[in-house]
Protein backbone atom coordinates (compact mmCIF):
# COMPACT_ATOMS: atom_id res chain seq x y z
CA MET A 1 -52.76 77.95 15.56
CA GLU A 2 -50.50 76.61 18.30
CA ILE A 3 -48.41 73.52 17.54
CA LYS A 4 -48.55 70.98 20.38
CA LYS A 5 -45.37 69.04 21.07
CA TYR A 6 -45.37 65.40 22.18
CA PRO A 7 -42.37 63.45 23.48
CA VAL A 8 -41.56 60.30 21.54
CA PHE A 9 -40.57 58.54 24.77
CA GLY A 10 -43.25 58.50 27.41
CA ARG A 11 -46.81 57.53 27.98
CA PHE A 12 -48.29 58.85 24.73
CA HIS A 13 -49.94 56.37 22.42
CA ALA A 14 -50.74 57.22 18.83
CA ARG A 15 -52.36 55.89 15.68
CA PHE A 16 -50.58 55.06 12.44
CA ASP A 17 -52.68 56.44 9.57
CA SER A 18 -52.33 53.48 7.18
CA PHE A 19 -54.15 51.83 4.28
CA ALA A 20 -55.69 49.44 6.86
CA GLY A 21 -57.10 52.30 8.95
CA LEU A 22 -55.83 53.85 12.17
CA ILE A 23 -53.43 51.31 13.73
CA PRO A 24 -52.66 51.65 17.49
CA VAL A 25 -48.92 52.25 17.98
CA LYS A 26 -46.46 53.41 20.63
CA PRO A 27 -43.81 55.90 19.41
CA MET A 28 -40.27 54.83 20.33
CA ARG A 29 -37.74 57.05 18.53
CA LYS A 30 -37.57 60.01 16.13
CA ILE A 31 -35.34 59.41 13.11
CA ILE A 32 -33.98 62.28 11.01
CA HIS A 33 -32.87 61.18 7.55
CA ASN A 34 -30.62 63.55 5.61
CA ASP A 35 -30.16 62.55 1.99
CA GLN A 36 -28.32 65.15 -0.12
CA ASN A 37 -29.76 68.11 1.82
CA ARG A 38 -33.28 66.68 1.76
CA ILE A 39 -34.41 66.05 5.34
CA SER A 40 -37.16 63.55 6.15
CA VAL A 41 -38.48 62.80 9.64
CA TYR A 42 -39.70 59.34 10.63
CA ILE A 43 -40.98 57.85 13.85
CA ARG A 44 -40.06 54.32 14.92
CA VAL A 45 -43.19 52.77 16.43
CA LYS A 46 -44.31 49.49 17.95
CA VAL A 47 -47.66 48.10 16.77
CA LEU A 48 -50.01 47.45 19.72
CA GLU A 49 -52.80 45.44 18.01
CA THR A 50 -53.01 43.08 15.05
CA ILE A 51 -54.97 44.81 12.30
CA GLY A 52 -54.79 43.73 8.66
CA ALA A 53 -51.18 43.18 7.59
CA TYR A 54 -49.84 44.82 10.77
CA LYS A 55 -49.12 42.33 13.57
CA LYS A 56 -48.88 43.11 17.28
CA GLY A 57 -45.25 43.69 18.27
CA MET A 58 -44.01 44.73 14.80
CA ILE A 59 -41.55 47.62 14.71
CA LEU A 60 -42.12 50.12 11.87
CA GLU A 61 -40.51 53.36 10.75
CA ILE A 62 -43.26 55.63 9.46
CA PRO A 63 -43.35 59.25 8.26
CA SER A 64 -43.87 61.57 11.23
CA GLN A 65 -47.06 63.03 9.72
CA ASP A 66 -48.60 59.51 9.69
CA CYS A 67 -48.04 59.01 13.44
CA ILE A 68 -51.02 60.82 14.98
CA PRO A 69 -51.33 61.51 18.76
CA LEU A 70 -54.67 60.29 20.14
CA SER A 71 -55.71 63.80 21.19
CA HIS A 72 -55.53 64.90 17.52
CA ILE A 73 -58.14 62.39 16.33
CA LYS A 74 -61.81 63.24 16.76
CA TYR A 75 -64.75 60.94 16.02
CA PRO A 76 -67.85 63.08 15.25
CA LYS A 77 -71.18 61.23 15.44
CA GLY A 78 -72.16 59.69 12.11
CA SER A 79 -68.87 60.62 10.44
CA HIS A 80 -65.38 59.33 9.80
CA ALA A 81 -62.43 60.18 12.02
CA LYS A 82 -61.06 63.71 11.65
CA ILE A 83 -57.33 64.23 12.08
CA PHE A 84 -55.90 67.55 13.24
CA GLY A 85 -52.30 68.13 12.16
CA ASN A 86 -51.11 70.85 14.54
CA PHE A 87 -48.59 68.63 16.37
CA GLU A 88 -44.90 67.76 16.40
CA TRP A 89 -43.01 64.80 17.87
CA ILE A 90 -39.92 65.76 19.89
CA ASP A 91 -37.03 63.56 20.98
CA LEU A 92 -34.08 64.74 23.08
CA TRP A 93 -31.74 62.32 21.27
CA PRO A 94 -33.08 61.65 17.77
CA GLU A 95 -31.25 59.19 15.56
CA GLU A 96 -29.63 60.86 12.59
CA THR A 97 -28.67 58.96 9.47
CA SER A 98 -27.45 59.72 5.98
CA GLU A 99 -27.88 56.11 4.86
CA TYR A 100 -30.86 54.76 2.98
CA LEU A 101 -33.82 54.59 5.35
CA TYR A 102 -36.00 51.53 5.02
CA LYS A 103 -39.60 52.68 5.38
CA GLY A 104 -41.10 49.39 6.45
CA ILE A 105 -40.44 46.71 9.01
CA VAL A 106 -37.17 47.06 10.86
C-alpha cells in the first residue's frame, strides 16, 4: 500500500484522535525527539474548534500517528469513523530536540 505524504505547513487540516473524539486541528511543525537513541515524532498543532477540554487556539504537541489528515478519515453510513493509517507528515525543517518533550499544551 502506498504511503501518502502531507506537508506540515500548508493548507492541510487534520483531526486529532483524542479521548474527546476527532478534534479539528491545523498542523504547524514536525518535532523529532531523540532520547537515548529512541526517536519519537510529534506534530505541533493549533486547535480550530472548542471541543471538550480542548479550546480553540490552543497549541498542542501530539504523537504523529494521532494527527490524521482529513482524507484518511471515512464516515460510512450507520457506522463510526474509520481511520486509514497509510500517511506520513513531512516538514522540510523539522525541529529536533534531545530535551524532555512536553506532550501537552505548549
